[in-house]
C-alpha atoms as a PDB file:
ATOM      1  CA  MET A   1     -13.001 -71.502 -43.013  1.00  0.00           C
ATOM      2  CA  THR A   2     -12.750 -72.604 -39.677  1.00  0.00           C
ATOM      3  CA  ALA A   3     -10.019 -71.286 -37.468  1.00  0.00           C
ATOM      4  CA  GLY A   4      -8.040 -74.159 -37.815  1.00  0.00           C
ATOM      5  CA  ASN A   5      -7.903 -73.846 -41.364  1.00  0.00           C
ATOM      6  CA  ALA A   6      -7.558 -70.409 -41.716  1.00  0.00           C
ATOM      7  CA  ALA A   7      -3.847 -71.350 -39.477  1.00  0.00           C
ATOM      8  CA  ARG A   8      -2.588 -73.511 -41.460  1.00  0.00           C
ATOM      9  CA  ASP A   9      -3.513 -71.475 -44.513  1.00  0.00           C
ATOM     10  CA  ARG A  10      -1.574 -68.592 -43.133  1.00  0.00           C
ATOM     11  CA  PRO A  11       1.783 -67.705 -40.805  1.00  0.00           C
ATOM     12  CA  LEU A  12       0.784 -66.587 -37.732  1.00  0.00           C
ATOM     13  CA  CYS A  13       1.358 -62.909 -36.903  1.00  0.00           C
ATOM     14  CA  HIS A  14       1.238 -60.648 -33.797  1.00  0.00           C
ATOM     15  CA  ASN A  15       0.821 -57.256 -32.793  1.00  0.00           C
ATOM     16  CA  ASP A  16       0.378 -57.485 -28.806  1.00  0.00           C
ATOM     17  CA  ALA A  17      -0.688 -55.139 -26.502  1.00  0.00           C
ATOM     18  CA  ALA A  18       0.996 -54.729 -23.261  1.00  0.00           C
ATOM     19  CA  ILE A  19       1.083 -57.087 -20.863  1.00  0.00           C
ATOM     20  CA  GLY A  20       0.386 -59.951 -22.850  1.00  0.00           C
ATOM     21  CA  GLU A  21      -3.354 -59.401 -23.889  1.00  0.00           C
ATOM     22  CA  GLY A  22      -2.666 -59.332 -27.506  1.00  0.00           C
ATOM     23  CA  LYS A  23      -4.272 -58.820 -30.892  1.00  0.00           C
ATOM     24  CA  GLY A  24      -3.334 -60.602 -34.009  1.00  0.00           C
ATOM     25  CA  ARG A  25      -3.481 -59.488 -37.476  1.00  0.00           C
ATOM     26  CA  ASP A  26      -3.865 -61.109 -40.522  1.00  0.00           C
ATOM     27  CA  CYS A  27      -1.118 -62.007 -42.471  1.00  0.00           C
ATOM     28  CA  ALA A  28       0.168 -62.491 -46.023  1.00  0.00           C
ATOM     29  CA  LEU A  29      -0.433 -66.315 -47.828  1.00  0.00           C
ATOM     30  CA  PRO A  30       2.094 -67.823 -48.574  1.00  0.00           C
ATOM     31  CA  GLU A  31       3.034 -68.331 -52.478  1.00  0.00           C
ATOM     32  CA  ALA A  32       2.316 -70.961 -54.034  1.00  0.00           C
ATOM     33  CA  GLY A  33       4.357 -73.785 -55.249  1.00  0.00           C
ATOM     34  CA  VAL A  34       6.096 -74.203 -51.911  1.00  0.00           C
ATOM     35  CA  PRO A  35       8.022 -77.430 -51.023  1.00  0.00           C
ATOM     36  CA  PHE A  36       6.327 -79.623 -48.314  1.00  0.00           C
ATOM     37  CA  GLU A  37       9.765 -79.619 -46.619  1.00  0.00           C
ATOM     38  CA  SER A  38       9.320 -75.583 -46.730  1.00  0.00           C
ATOM     39  CA  GLY A  39       5.622 -76.218 -45.373  1.00  0.00           C
ATOM     40  CA  TRP A  40       6.715 -78.434 -42.669  1.00  0.00           C
ATOM     41  CA  ALA A  41       9.449 -76.418 -41.437  1.00  0.00           C
ATOM     42  CA  ALA A  42       7.316 -73.292 -41.375  1.00  0.00           C
ATOM     43  CA  ARG A  43       4.309 -75.159 -39.172  1.00  0.00           C
ATOM     44  CA  ALA A  44       7.367 -76.227 -36.925  1.00  0.00           C
ATOM     45  CA  LEU A  45       8.455 -72.377 -36.382  1.00  0.00           C
ATOM     46  CA  ARG A  46       4.453 -71.229 -36.063  1.00  0.00           C
ATOM     47  CA  VAL A  47       4.768 -74.084 -33.004  1.00  0.00           C
ATOM     48  CA  LEU A  48       7.649 -72.684 -31.443  1.00  0.00           C
ATOM     49  CA  ARG A  49       6.667 -69.334 -31.764  1.00  0.00           C
ATOM     50  CA  ALA A  50       2.745 -69.887 -30.532  1.00  0.00           C
ATOM     51  CA  TYR A  51       4.228 -71.219 -27.310  1.00  0.00           C
ATOM     52  CA  PRO A  52       5.658 -67.536 -25.422  1.00  0.00           C
ATOM     53  CA  GLU A  53       2.284 -66.226 -26.333  1.00  0.00           C
ATOM     54  CA  LEU A  54       0.405 -69.239 -25.212  1.00  0.00           C
ATOM     55  CA  ALA A  55       2.653 -68.466 -21.957  1.00  0.00           C
ATOM     56  CA  LYS A  56       1.662 -65.057 -22.057  1.00  0.00           C
ATOM     57  CA  ILE A  57       5.223 -63.835 -21.601  1.00  0.00           C
ATOM     58  CA  ARG A  58       5.515 -60.445 -21.235  1.00  0.00           C
ATOM     59  CA  LEU A  59       2.836 -60.730 -18.360  1.00  0.00           C
ATOM     60  CA  ALA A  60       4.842 -63.773 -16.919  1.00  0.00           C
ATOM     61  CA  SER A  61       7.691 -61.375 -17.071  1.00  0.00           C
ATOM     62  CA  LEU A  62       5.704 -58.545 -15.054  1.00  0.00           C
ATOM     63  CA  VAL A  63       5.088 -61.326 -12.340  1.00  0.00           C
ATOM     64  CA  THR A  64       8.770 -62.078 -12.750  1.00  0.00           C
ATOM     65  CA  ALA A  65       9.783 -58.381 -12.042  1.00  0.00           C
ATOM     66  CA  THR A  66       7.638 -58.341  -8.832  1.00  0.00           C
ATOM     67  CA  THR A  67       8.886 -61.434  -7.638  1.00  0.00           C
ATOM     68  CA  ALA A  68      12.332 -60.118  -7.939  1.00  0.00           C
ATOM     69  CA  VAL A  69      11.749 -56.865  -6.232  1.00  0.00           C
ATOM     70  CA  GLY A  70       9.812 -58.366  -3.094  1.00  0.00           C
ATOM     71  CA  PHE A  71      13.157 -60.456  -3.000  1.00  0.00           C
ATOM     72  CA  VAL A  72      15.575 -57.193  -2.364  1.00  0.00           C
ATOM     73  CA  MET A  73      13.249 -55.176  -0.388  1.00  0.00           C
ATOM     74  CA  ALA A  74      13.184 -57.981   2.001  1.00  0.00           C
ATOM     75  CA  GLY A  75      16.860 -57.505   2.473  1.00  0.00           C
ATOM     76  CA  PRO A  76      18.243 -60.365   2.513  1.00  0.00           C
ATOM     77  CA  ASP A  77      22.195 -61.331   3.543  1.00  0.00           C
ATOM     78  CA  ARG A  78      24.776 -62.178   0.997  1.00  0.00           C
ATOM     79  CA  SER A  79      24.341 -65.878   1.137  1.00  0.00           C
ATOM     80  CA  ARG A  80      20.594 -65.704   0.224  1.00  0.00           C
ATOM     81  CA  PHE A  81      21.298 -63.961  -2.904  1.00  0.00           C
ATOM     82  CA  ALA A  82      22.002 -67.506  -4.699  1.00  0.00           C
ATOM     83  CA  VAL A  83      18.803 -68.026  -4.026  1.00  0.00           C
ATOM     84  CA  LEU A  84      17.497 -65.613  -6.356  1.00  0.00           C
ATOM     85  CA  LEU A  85      17.763 -66.719  -9.639  1.00  0.00           C
ATOM     86  CA  PRO A  86      16.524 -70.167  -9.180  1.00  0.00           C
ATOM     87  CA  THR A  87      13.417 -68.170  -7.331  1.00  0.00           C
ATOM     88  CA  VAL A  88      13.214 -65.800 -10.658  1.00  0.00           C
ATOM     89  CA  ILE A  89      13.239 -68.860 -13.299  1.00  0.00           C
ATOM     90  CA  GLY A  90      10.533 -70.441 -10.892  1.00  0.00           C
ATOM     91  CA  THR A  91       8.458 -68.145 -10.738  1.00  0.00           C
ATOM     92  CA  MET A  92       8.864 -67.452 -14.512  1.00  0.00           C
ATOM     93  CA  LEU A  93       7.553 -70.924 -14.979  1.00  0.00           C
ATOM     94  CA  ALA A  94       4.525 -70.930 -12.306  1.00  0.00           C
ATOM     95  CA  ALA A  95       3.421 -67.743 -14.079  1.00  0.00           C
ATOM     96  CA  ALA A  96       3.543 -69.156 -17.691  1.00  0.00           C
ATOM     97  CA  GLY A  97       1.976 -72.828 -17.034  1.00  0.00           C
ATOM     98  CA  ALA A  98      -0.926 -70.707 -15.346  1.00  0.00           C
ATOM     99  CA  MET A  99      -1.417 -68.381 -18.179  1.00  0.00           C
ATOM    100  CA  ALA A 100      -1.405 -71.404 -20.485  1.00  0.00           C
ATOM    101  CA  LEU A 101      -3.763 -72.887 -18.633  1.00  0.00           C
ATOM    102  CA  ASN A 102      -5.703 -69.818 -18.639  1.00  0.00           C
ATOM    103  CA  GLU A 103      -5.719 -69.895 -22.116  1.00  0.00           C
ATOM    104  CA  LEU A 104      -6.800 -73.393 -22.854  1.00  0.00           C
ATOM    105  CA  LEU A 105      -9.923 -72.665 -20.298  1.00  0.00           C
ATOM    106  CA  GLU A 106     -10.680 -69.615 -22.795  1.00  0.00           C
ATOM    107  CA  ALA A 107     -10.147 -70.685 -25.917  1.00  0.00           C
ATOM    108  CA  ASP A 108     -13.856 -70.424 -27.196  1.00  0.00           C
ATOM    109  CA  GLU A 109     -13.960 -67.116 -25.551  1.00  0.00           C
ATOM    110  CA  ASP A 110     -10.945 -65.821 -27.575  1.00  0.00           C
ATOM    111  CA  ALA A 111     -12.235 -67.174 -30.839  1.00  0.00           C
ATOM    112  CA  ARG A 112     -15.164 -64.959 -30.282  1.00  0.00           C
ATOM    113  CA  MET A 113     -12.801 -61.769 -29.366  1.00  0.00           C
ATOM    114  CA  ARG A 114     -11.223 -59.835 -32.247  1.00  0.00           C
ATOM    115  CA  ARG A 115      -8.074 -59.249 -30.149  1.00  0.00           C
ATOM    116  CA  THR A 116      -7.799 -62.727 -28.449  1.00  0.00           C
ATOM    117  CA  ARG A 117      -8.511 -64.820 -32.334  1.00  0.00           C
ATOM    118  CA  HIS A 118      -5.568 -65.145 -33.337  1.00  0.00           C
ATOM    119  CA  ARG A 119      -4.117 -66.727 -30.203  1.00  0.00           C
ATOM    120  CA  PRO A 120      -2.344 -70.405 -30.759  1.00  0.00           C
ATOM    121  CA  LEU A 121      -5.435 -72.038 -29.500  1.00  0.00           C
ATOM    122  CA  PRO A 122      -8.156 -69.866 -31.506  1.00  0.00           C
ATOM    123  CA  ALA A 123      -5.885 -70.418 -34.437  1.00  0.00           C
ATOM    124  CA  GLY A 124      -5.537 -74.283 -34.230  1.00  0.00           C
ATOM    125  CA  VAL A 125      -1.692 -73.730 -34.366  1.00  0.00           C
ATOM    126  CA  VAL A 126      -1.485 -75.326 -30.668  1.00  0.00           C
ATOM    127  CA  THR A 127      -3.595 -78.170 -29.874  1.00  0.00           C
ATOM    128  CA  PRO A 128      -5.760 -78.613 -26.485  1.00  0.00           C
ATOM    129  CA  ARG A 129      -4.006 -81.702 -25.478  1.00  0.00           C
ATOM    130  CA  HIS A 130      -0.651 -79.607 -25.905  1.00  0.00           C
ATOM    131  CA  ALA A 131      -1.585 -76.487 -24.396  1.00  0.00           C
ATOM    132  CA  LEU A 132      -2.880 -78.392 -21.304  1.00  0.00           C
ATOM    133  CA  ALA A 133       0.398 -80.786 -20.937  1.00  0.00           C
ATOM    134  CA  PHE A 134       2.455 -77.356 -21.514  1.00  0.00           C
ATOM    135  CA  GLY A 135       0.778 -75.741 -18.807  1.00  0.00           C
ATOM    136  CA  ILE A 136       0.592 -78.616 -15.886  1.00  0.00           C
ATOM    137  CA  CYS A 137       3.911 -79.334 -16.765  1.00  0.00           C
ATOM    138  CA  VAL A 138       5.789 -75.895 -16.809  1.00  0.00           C
ATOM    139  CA  ALA A 139       3.582 -75.055 -13.613  1.00  0.00           C
ATOM    140  CA  GLY A 140       4.881 -77.817 -11.629  1.00  0.00           C
ATOM    141  CA  ALA A 141       8.369 -77.731 -13.129  1.00  0.00           C
ATOM    142  CA  GLY A 142       8.358 -73.546 -11.530  1.00  0.00           C
ATOM    143  CA  LEU A 143       7.151 -74.711  -8.273  1.00  0.00           C
ATOM    144  CA  GLY A 144       9.604 -77.560  -8.072  1.00  0.00           C
ATOM    145  CA  VAL A 145      12.305 -75.222  -8.493  1.00  0.00           C
ATOM    146  CA  LEU A 146      11.008 -72.869  -5.814  1.00  0.00           C
ATOM    147  CA  ALA A 147      10.615 -75.510  -3.339  1.00  0.00           C
ATOM    148  CA  LEU A 148      13.793 -76.851  -4.344  1.00  0.00           C
ATOM    149  CA  PHE A 149      16.040 -74.034  -4.192  1.00  0.00           C
ATOM    150  CA  ALA A 150      13.871 -71.679  -2.252  1.00  0.00           C
ATOM    151  CA  ASN A 151      11.460 -73.015   0.383  1.00  0.00           C
ATOM    152  CA  VAL A 152       8.352 -74.432   0.408  1.00  0.00           C
ATOM    153  CA  ARG A 153       6.197 -71.720   1.837  1.00  0.00           C
ATOM    154  CA  THR A 154       7.308 -69.312  -1.548  1.00  0.00           C
ATOM    155  CA  ALA A 155       6.234 -72.852  -3.332  1.00  0.00           C
ATOM    156  CA  LEU A 156       3.025 -73.185  -1.536  1.00  0.00           C
ATOM    157  CA  LEU A 157       2.566 -69.056  -2.770  1.00  0.00           C
ATOM    158  CA  GLY A 158       3.267 -69.777  -6.029  1.00  0.00           C
ATOM    159  CA  LEU A 159       0.592 -72.862  -5.885  1.00  0.00           C
ATOM    160  CA  ALA A 160      -1.738 -70.325  -4.697  1.00  0.00           C
ATOM    161  CA  VAL A 161      -2.056 -67.935  -7.391  1.00  0.00           C
ATOM    162  CA  VAL A 162      -1.708 -71.058 -10.210  1.00  0.00           C
ATOM    163  CA  VAL A 163      -4.838 -72.295  -8.407  1.00  0.00           C
ATOM    164  CA  VAL A 164      -6.504 -68.916  -7.863  1.00  0.00           C
ATOM    165  CA  TYR A 165      -5.627 -68.192 -11.689  1.00  0.00           C
ATOM    166  CA  THR A 166      -7.163 -70.991 -12.847  1.00  0.00           C
ATOM    167  CA  LEU A 167      -9.825 -71.993 -11.243  1.00  0.00           C
ATOM    168  CA  VAL A 168     -11.183 -69.161  -9.324  1.00  0.00           C
ATOM    169  CA  TYR A 169     -10.386 -65.854 -11.704  1.00  0.00           C
ATOM    170  CA  THR A 170     -10.828 -67.469 -15.001  1.00  0.00           C
ATOM    171  CA  PRO A 171     -14.312 -69.134 -14.678  1.00  0.00           C
ATOM    172  CA  LEU A 172     -15.108 -66.144 -12.908  1.00  0.00           C
ATOM    173  CA  LYS A 173     -14.712 -63.706 -16.050  1.00  0.00           C
ATOM    174  CA  ARG A 174     -18.051 -65.399 -17.466  1.00  0.00           C
ATOM    175  CA  ARG A 175     -20.260 -64.715 -13.971  1.00  0.00           C
ATOM    176  CA  SER A 176     -19.378 -61.572 -12.073  1.00  0.00           C
ATOM    177  CA  PRO A 177     -17.277 -58.122 -12.551  1.00  0.00           C
ATOM    178  CA  LEU A 178     -15.797 -59.651  -9.059  1.00  0.00           C
ATOM    179  CA  CYS A 179     -13.573 -61.440 -10.886  1.00  0.00           C
ATOM    180  CA  THR A 180     -10.738 -58.162 -11.407  1.00  0.00           C
ATOM    181  CA  LEU A 181     -10.609 -58.377  -7.816  1.00  0.00           C
ATOM    182  CA  ALA A 182      -9.973 -62.192  -8.130  1.00  0.00           C
ATOM    183  CA  GLY A 183      -7.113 -60.976 -10.825  1.00  0.00           C
ATOM    184  CA  ALA A 184      -5.915 -58.526  -8.640  1.00  0.00           C
ATOM    185  CA  VAL A 185      -5.359 -60.901  -5.982  1.00  0.00           C
ATOM    186  CA  CYS A 186      -3.124 -63.303  -7.655  1.00  0.00           C
ATOM    187  CA  GLY A 187      -0.923 -60.380  -9.012  1.00  0.00           C
ATOM    188  CA  ALA A 188      -0.614 -59.139  -5.451  1.00  0.00           C
ATOM    189  CA  ILE A 189       1.116 -62.863  -4.142  1.00  0.00           C
ATOM    190  CA  PRO A 190       4.420 -62.824  -6.348  1.00  0.00           C
ATOM    191  CA  PRO A 191       5.965 -59.561  -4.541  1.00  0.00           C
ATOM    192  CA  MET A 192       5.172 -61.911  -1.178  1.00  0.00           C
ATOM    193  CA  MET A 193       7.122 -65.107  -2.760  1.00  0.00           C
ATOM    194  CA  GLY A 194      10.371 -62.902  -3.518  1.00  0.00           C
ATOM    195  CA  TRP A 195      10.206 -61.989   0.290  1.00  0.00           C
ATOM    196  CA  THR A 196       9.685 -65.136   1.640  1.00  0.00           C
ATOM    197  CA  ALA A 197      12.447 -66.563  -0.811  1.00  0.00           C
ATOM    198  CA  ALA A 198      14.740 -63.978   0.975  1.00  0.00           C
ATOM    199  CA  GLY A 199      14.312 -65.988   3.950  1.00  0.00           C
ATOM    200  CA  ALA A 200      12.183 -63.594   5.184  1.00  0.00           C
ATOM    201  CA  ASP A 201       8.911 -63.433   6.943  1.00  0.00           C
ATOM    202  CA  LEU A 202       5.710 -62.311   5.925  1.00  0.00           C
ATOM    203  CA  SER A 203       6.162 -58.468   8.099  1.00  0.00           C
ATOM    204  CA  PHE A 204       4.268 -55.556   7.036  1.00  0.00           C
ATOM    205  CA  GLY A 205       6.543 -54.451   3.959  1.00  0.00           C
ATOM    206  CA  ALA A 206       5.616 -58.058   2.666  1.00  0.00           C
ATOM    207  CA  TRP A 207       1.721 -57.238   2.962  1.00  0.00           C
ATOM    208  CA  LEU A 208       2.354 -53.371   1.920  1.00  0.00           C
ATOM    209  CA  LEU A 209       4.185 -54.825  -1.365  1.00  0.00           C
ATOM    210  CA  ALA A 210       1.208 -57.076  -2.121  1.00  0.00           C
ATOM    211  CA  GLY A 211      -1.536 -54.167  -1.449  1.00  0.00           C
ATOM    212  CA  ALA A 212       0.039 -51.674  -3.600  1.00  0.00           C
ATOM    213  CA  LEU A 213       0.377 -54.385  -6.384  1.00  0.00           C
ATOM    214  CA  PHE A 214      -3.426 -55.432  -5.799  1.00  0.00           C
ATOM    215  CA  LEU A 215      -4.409 -51.750  -5.981  1.00  0.00           C
ATOM    216  CA  TRP A 216      -2.389 -50.963  -9.098  1.00  0.00           C
ATOM    217  CA  GLN A 217      -4.187 -53.691 -10.986  1.00  0.00           C
ATOM    218  CA  ILE A 218      -8.010 -52.486 -10.682  1.00  0.00           C
ATOM    219  CA  PRO A 219      -7.342 -48.462 -12.597  1.00  0.00           C
ATOM    220  CA  HIS A 220      -4.541 -50.528 -15.220  1.00  0.00           C
ATOM    221  CA  PHE A 221      -7.491 -53.150 -15.822  1.00  0.00           C
ATOM    222  CA  LEU A 222     -10.255 -50.987 -15.737  1.00  0.00           C
ATOM    223  CA  ALA A 223      -9.055 -48.496 -18.689  1.00  0.00           C
ATOM    224  CA  LEU A 224      -7.939 -51.478 -20.646  1.00  0.00           C
ATOM    225  CA  ALA A 225     -11.651 -53.337 -19.830  1.00  0.00           C
ATOM    226  CA  TRP A 226     -13.326 -49.783 -21.288  1.00  0.00           C
ATOM    227  CA  VAL A 227     -11.499 -49.711 -24.597  1.00  0.00           C
ATOM    228  CA  TYR A 228     -11.923 -53.357 -24.913  1.00  0.00           C
ATOM    229  CA  ARG A 229     -15.472 -53.406 -23.295  1.00  0.00           C
ATOM    230  CA  GLU A 230     -17.411 -54.581 -26.852  1.00  0.00           C
ATOM    231  CA  ASP A 231     -14.885 -57.044 -27.139  1.00  0.00           C
ATOM    232  CA  TYR A 232     -15.011 -58.628 -23.842  1.00  0.00           C
ATOM    233  CA  ALA A 233     -18.811 -58.480 -24.292  1.00  0.00           C
ATOM    234  CA  ARG A 234     -18.447 -60.954 -27.343  1.00  0.00           C
ATOM    235  CA  GLY A 235     -16.581 -63.326 -25.812  1.00  0.00           C
ATOM    236  CA  GLY A 236     -19.064 -63.361 -23.238  1.00  0.00           C
ATOM    237  CA  PHE A 237     -16.556 -62.166 -19.949  1.00  0.00           C
ATOM    238  CA  VAL A 238     -18.562 -60.382 -17.543  1.00  0.00           C
ATOM    239  CA  MET A 239     -16.076 -57.244 -16.867  1.00  0.00           C
ATOM    240  CA  LEU A 240     -16.861 -54.022 -15.088  1.00  0.00           C
ATOM    241  CA  PRO A 241     -17.388 -51.823 -18.213  1.00  0.00           C
ATOM    242  CA  VAL A 242     -19.450 -54.519 -19.966  1.00  0.00           C
ATOM    243  CA  VAL A 243     -22.340 -54.583 -17.364  1.00  0.00           C
ATOM    244  CA  ASP A 244     -21.929 -50.801 -16.567  1.00  0.00           C
ATOM    245  CA  PRO A 245     -22.539 -49.118 -20.105  1.00  0.00           C
ATOM    246  CA  SER A 246     -22.426 -45.512 -18.734  1.00  0.00           C
ATOM    247  CA  GLY A 247     -19.202 -45.663 -17.241  1.00  0.00           C
ATOM    248  CA  ARG A 248     -19.784 -44.425 -13.714  1.00  0.00           C
ATOM    249  CA  SER A 249     -18.825 -47.323 -12.149  1.00  0.00           C
ATOM    250  CA  THR A 250     -15.960 -47.986 -13.744  1.00  0.00           C
ATOM    251  CA  GLY A 251     -14.746 -44.583 -13.616  1.00  0.00           C
ATOM    252  CA  GLY A 252     -15.563 -44.405  -9.967  1.00  0.00           C
ATOM    253  CA  ALA A 253     -14.062 -47.772  -9.108  1.00  0.00           C
ATOM    254  CA  ALA A 254     -10.845 -46.141 -10.843  1.00  0.00           C
ATOM    255  CA  VAL A 255     -10.893 -43.539  -8.684  1.00  0.00           C
ATOM    256  CA  LEU A 256     -11.327 -45.099  -5.698  1.00  0.00           C
ATOM    257  CA  TYR A 257      -8.801 -47.617  -6.168  1.00  0.00           C
ATOM    258  CA  SER A 258      -6.217 -44.686  -7.144  1.00  0.00           C
ATOM    259  CA  LEU A 259      -6.816 -42.631  -4.653  1.00  0.00           C
ATOM    260  CA  ALA A 260      -5.533 -45.806  -2.279  1.00  0.00           C
ATOM    261  CA  LEU A 261      -2.160 -46.074  -3.568  1.00  0.00           C
ATOM    262  CA  LEU A 262      -1.570 -42.817  -2.479  1.00  0.00           C
ATOM    263  CA  PRO A 263      -0.644 -43.224   0.910  1.00  0.00           C
ATOM    264  CA  ILE A 264       1.523 -46.156  -0.001  1.00  0.00           C
ATOM    265  CA  GLY A 265       4.770 -44.071  -0.104  1.00  0.00           C
ATOM    266  CA  VAL A 266       3.813 -42.863   3.115  1.00  0.00           C
ATOM    267  CA  LEU A 267       3.335 -45.914   4.771  1.00  0.00           C
ATOM    268  CA  ALA A 268       6.304 -47.352   3.414  1.00  0.00           C
ATOM    269  CA  ALA A 269       8.368 -44.379   5.237  1.00  0.00           C
ATOM    270  CA  LEU A 270       6.087 -44.685   8.642  1.00  0.00           C
ATOM    271  CA  GLY A 271       7.134 -48.858   8.181  1.00  0.00           C
ATOM    272  CA  GLY A 272      10.989 -47.968   8.426  1.00  0.00           C
ATOM    273  CA  ILE A 273      10.594 -50.151   4.457  1.00  0.00           C
ATOM    274  CA  THR A 274      11.846 -46.515   2.524  1.00  0.00           C
ATOM    275  CA  GLY A 275      12.981 -43.040   3.049  1.00  0.00           C
ATOM    276  CA  TRP A 276      10.742 -39.533   3.242  1.00  0.00           C
ATOM    277  CA  ARG A 277      12.311 -39.050  -0.803  1.00  0.00           C
ATOM    278  CA  PHE A 278      10.570 -42.559  -1.659  1.00  0.00           C
ATOM    279  CA  ALA A 279       7.185 -40.827  -0.095  1.00  0.00           C
ATOM    280  CA  ALA A 280       7.327 -37.739  -1.474  1.00  0.00           C
ATOM    281  CA  ALA A 281       7.823 -39.431  -5.121  1.00  0.00           C
ATOM    282  CA  ALA A 282       4.864 -42.227  -4.827  1.00  0.00           C
ATOM    283  CA  LEU A 283       2.952 -39.028  -4.052  1.00  0.00           C
ATOM    284  CA  VAL A 284       3.741 -37.358  -6.570  1.00  0.00           C
ATOM    285  CA  LEU A 285       3.485 -40.370  -9.223  1.00  0.00           C
ATOM    286  CA  GLY A 286      -0.103 -41.636  -7.348  1.00  0.00           C
ATOM    287  CA  ALA A 287      -1.349 -37.848  -7.775  1.00  0.00           C
ATOM    288  CA  GLY A 288      -0.702 -38.498 -11.538  1.00  0.00           C
ATOM    289  CA  LEU A 289      -2.575 -41.684 -11.309  1.00  0.00           C
ATOM    290  CA  LEU A 290      -5.323 -40.080  -9.439  1.00  0.00           C
ATOM    291  CA  GLY A 291      -5.591 -37.359 -12.188  1.00  0.00           C
ATOM    292  CA  LEU A 292      -6.155 -39.335 -15.211  1.00  0.00           C
ATOM    293  CA  SER A 293      -8.976 -41.727 -13.082  1.00  0.00           C
ATOM    294  CA  ALA A 294     -10.668 -38.484 -12.029  1.00  0.00           C
ATOM    295  CA  LEU A 295     -10.392 -37.533 -16.247  1.00  0.00           C
ATOM    296  CA  LEU A 296     -12.190 -41.067 -16.845  1.00  0.00           C
ATOM    297  CA  ALA A 297     -14.523 -41.002 -14.451  1.00  0.00           C
ATOM    298  CA  ALA A 298     -15.684 -37.266 -16.018  1.00  0.00           C
ATOM    299  CA  ARG A 299     -15.100 -37.721 -19.290  1.00  0.00           C
ATOM    300  CA  ARG A 300     -15.621 -41.643 -20.278  1.00  0.00           C
ATOM    301  CA  THR A 301     -13.904 -42.154 -23.176  1.00  0.00           C
ATOM    302  CA  GLU A 302     -10.958 -44.455 -25.287  1.00  0.00           C
ATOM    303  CA  ALA A 303      -8.876 -41.864 -25.405  1.00  0.00           C
ATOM    304  CA  VAL A 304      -8.966 -41.020 -21.798  1.00  0.00           C
ATOM    305  CA  ALA A 305      -8.972 -44.989 -20.912  1.00  0.00           C
ATOM    306  CA  ARG A 306      -5.685 -45.101 -23.364  1.00  0.00           C
ATOM    307  CA  ARG A 307      -3.975 -42.955 -21.453  1.00  0.00           C
ATOM    308  CA  LEU A 308      -4.581 -43.474 -17.811  1.00  0.00           C
ATOM    309  CA  PHE A 309      -3.149 -47.346 -19.262  1.00  0.00           C
ATOM    310  CA  LEU A 310      -0.405 -46.111 -20.350  1.00  0.00           C
ATOM    311  CA  ALA A 311      -0.135 -43.709 -17.426  1.00  0.00           C
ATOM    312  CA  THR A 312      -0.588 -47.752 -14.907  1.00  0.00           C
ATOM    313  CA  LEU A 313       2.170 -48.905 -17.155  1.00  0.00           C
ATOM    314  CA  ALA A 314       4.741 -46.061 -16.520  1.00  0.00           C
ATOM    315  CA  TYR A 315       3.610 -46.060 -12.813  1.00  0.00           C
ATOM    316  CA  LEU A 316       4.161 -49.586 -11.436  1.00  0.00           C
ATOM    317  CA  PRO A 317       7.881 -49.561 -12.987  1.00  0.00           C
ATOM    318  CA  LEU A 318       8.638 -46.266 -11.480  1.00  0.00           C
ATOM    319  CA  LEU A 319       7.055 -46.938  -8.264  1.00  0.00           C
ATOM    320  CA  LEU A 320       9.206 -49.935  -7.618  1.00  0.00           C
ATOM    321  CA  GLY A 321      12.130 -48.929  -9.133  1.00  0.00           C
ATOM    322  CA  LEU A 322      12.315 -45.881  -6.975  1.00  0.00           C
ATOM    323  CA  MET A 323      11.415 -48.254  -3.979  1.00  0.00           C
ATOM    324  CA  VAL A 324      14.070 -50.216  -4.582  1.00  0.00           C
ATOM    325  CA  ALA A 325      16.902 -47.125  -5.508  1.00  0.00           C
ATOM    326  CA  ASP A 326      15.667 -45.828  -2.120  1.00  0.00           C
ATOM    327  CA  ARG A 327      16.332 -49.382  -0.668  1.00  0.00           C
ATOM    328  CA  ALA A 328      19.604 -49.514  -1.501  1.00  0.00           C
ATOM    329  CA  ALA A 329      20.398 -45.954  -1.023  1.00  0.00           C
ATOM    330  CA  PRO A 330      22.062 -46.385   2.933  1.00  0.00           C
ATOM    331  CA  ALA A 331      23.537 -49.512   2.238  1.00  0.00           C
ATOM    332  CA  SER A 332      25.139 -47.456  -0.847  1.00  0.00           C
ATOM    333  CA  ARG A 333      26.017 -44.109   1.301  1.00  0.00           C
ATOM    334  CA  LEU A 334      27.424 -46.976   3.876  1.00  0.00           C
ATOM    335  CA  ALA A 335      29.757 -48.600   1.272  1.00  0.00           C
ATOM    336  CA  VAL A 336      31.011 -45.447   0.417  1.00  0.00           C
ATOM    337  CA  ALA A 337      31.676 -44.504   4.359  1.00  0.00           C
ATOM    338  CA  LEU A 338      33.587 -47.660   5.097  1.00  0.00           C
ATOM    339  CA  LEU A 339      35.967 -46.951   1.823  1.00  0.00           C
ATOM    340  CA  ALA A 340      36.614 -43.577   3.122  1.00  0.00           C
ATOM    341  CA  ALA A 341      37.207 -44.360   6.677  1.00  0.00           C
ATOM    342  CA  GLY A 342      39.865 -47.602   5.103  1.00  0.00           C
ATOM    343  CA  ARG A 343      41.321 -44.816   3.575  1.00  0.00           C
END
């Protein structure tokens, strides 16, 4: 039975892993004797449900969240906050379109991997023509929103993400472990988009945020790729854990990039972006991440890799949340002082 026939014979179910990289699970076959109308409606519902997965909506949401953080950290005046919502919408659309084009280009590879074979394209729920139209139209709409409501610089940064993700990162995954670095560049740009959308120049703070996102992605992805290294090999992807059977290079790279994350908080404080309390908290978070990376380098087991992956999922929102809270704290203290003085 082909993947397309299988998709017609069973409803599409999902059990996605984190950050939009999901694996499917089989579902029970529908009962016999279902009327034609019900079958058509079920098919339409499957297609509608497939598009959020085609867009890797959770990964696109993460991209959007980092863009919003960049906007807030740029410290815009009140008049610029009207731009935040269209910036978030435009970024979400651009990211969703890029994800859809990525899945289109990797449909054959996804079909060979157990964790991705039930995605919309390998399962035959969405046709390649529809995926192409969806990806181009949605990404184009997002870039248009950014150009119209934010500024051209932000739209150009978004275009860079779409181009690098689809035309550099995606084909490089079949050729070199360096693909991870190309993918990390794509993930580093969105906070810079938020920064420019706020009307600020690409100053030290923007580059520091981008650097933090770039460095974080390496241990995050390597932990995931170590767990699924056999599946990536089955799909034909040349990830570092695939070409590094011993795991020494994988563990060493996770340690190296986690170590590089340690001074992020100190640099933010020295640059006047945050205070020293954030620097201390970031150092504690970074030490925990470094410890788990070192454990992966020492043991190289799937259990440790999963723990590191989960730790990276906790690290990023905590780091960015504390950064935003620290940024907002002086303004809050000033507002309280002004209210007290007014009394």
